[in-house]
Amino acid sequence: MLPHTALVLAFSILLSLPVIVILGPTVLTQSHLHLPFSPQDELDDLSLFTLASTFHHHAPPQHKPSRIFQFSYQTKPKPKIAFLFLTNTDLHFAPIWNLFFHDQPTNLYNIYIHKDPSVNLTRPVEGVFKNRFIPSKKTARASPTLISATRRLLAHALLDDPDNAYFALLSQHCIPLHSFPYVYRSLFFSTTFDSPGLTRPTQTHRSFIEILTHAPRLWNRYIARGRFAMLPEVKYEDFRVGSQFFTLTRPHALLVVRDRALWRKFRSPCYKKDECYPEEHYFPTLLSMMDPEGCTNYTLTHVNWTGTKGGHPYTYKPQEVSVELISRLRESNFSESYLFARKFTPDCLQPLLWNFSEDRRICS
């Protein structure tokens, strides 16, 4: 009996190996990995997002399949740009942004800052960033906390001002490449800005978000939580990747804070950490699934991905800063110009300020 029992046991273990290989990642995700935020944080966000989803003073009427935003729906004549800053360090380039907004009408823009409360940060005591911090939660790289922080920024901006019509997500490493009047005219009044070689229909606007259907190791990114973890809501053919930084229209900002189904998938922790960048997957996938025609599929923030290390883009040093560099960073194959750029070391501040003073496209 003993040899027979041992044989049966060995055969059972052999048969179970494929099941372990297939289901193991899912079991690990559910049993041994923990969500990077507390249930209370999740409840707080849910209350905020629900409020932002339902409390808006004048929303566009019901859309057809595409949610291309028509600003003529707005009841007030001057739509605003909401600049959303996501940071876990000091705002090193605040003087550049102060220059960017200098003498500009405050009824044309708003600023909101999400600061990781677990890090020490010197809050600006003057300038446009003063008193612009929203209630924030802890964030961590390559985790769904960055999705939550972005949705938090969008929700606060939606609630704060019904005239916020575009929502530009930026980091503390971002700088402007043009003057505020140029950015404002490009987003709201240019008839060709988001349609190279074509004429955009009057008063129709799309979101500027990078959405890529093909990217290196896309399959590995898709199964980072487990082979079947994203199903049935997100099939592999629906999975997208793109830049973390974007500029969304108000209808798309509302769409993001209203989402529940895809968030339940993307909030799950990954067991393949080197393949998991949820903030680069969630927003492109959601908007591609919900409203592909309402998106340009490219971002307005220039990023140099040559010579990258550990998933970080190329970082410019002070000796590289010049008027010529700024001109090159503006060049784009998708729109008339990039409006923002990253990533710069903090000691680039003075060289950038000097070169901006030489470039009237920033100061005027």
Foldseek 3Di string as FASTA:
>chain_A
DVVVVVVVVVVVVVVCVVVCVACVLQCCLPPVDDFPDDPVVVVVLLVLLVCLLPDADFDAPDDDLAPFDFCVSDPDDAAAAEEEEEEAEELLQQVLVLLQCPPPDPVHYAYAYAYAPVHDYDQDPDGRRPPRYDDYHHDDFLACSLVSRVLNRLSCVSVVDNRHFKYWYDYSQKGFLFHPVVVSCLQAPAQPFQPVPDGHPHRTGAKAWAWDQDDPPLQCLVQQSGNCLQPDVADSSLWTFTDLTIMGGSVLSSQSSPDDNNCVRLSRDGPNSLSGGSSRTSSSSSCCVRHVPRYSNHHLEAFAQPPDDSPDTDEDELVPDALVVSVVQQDDPRGPGRGMYDGYDSVNNVVVVVRVVVPVRSND
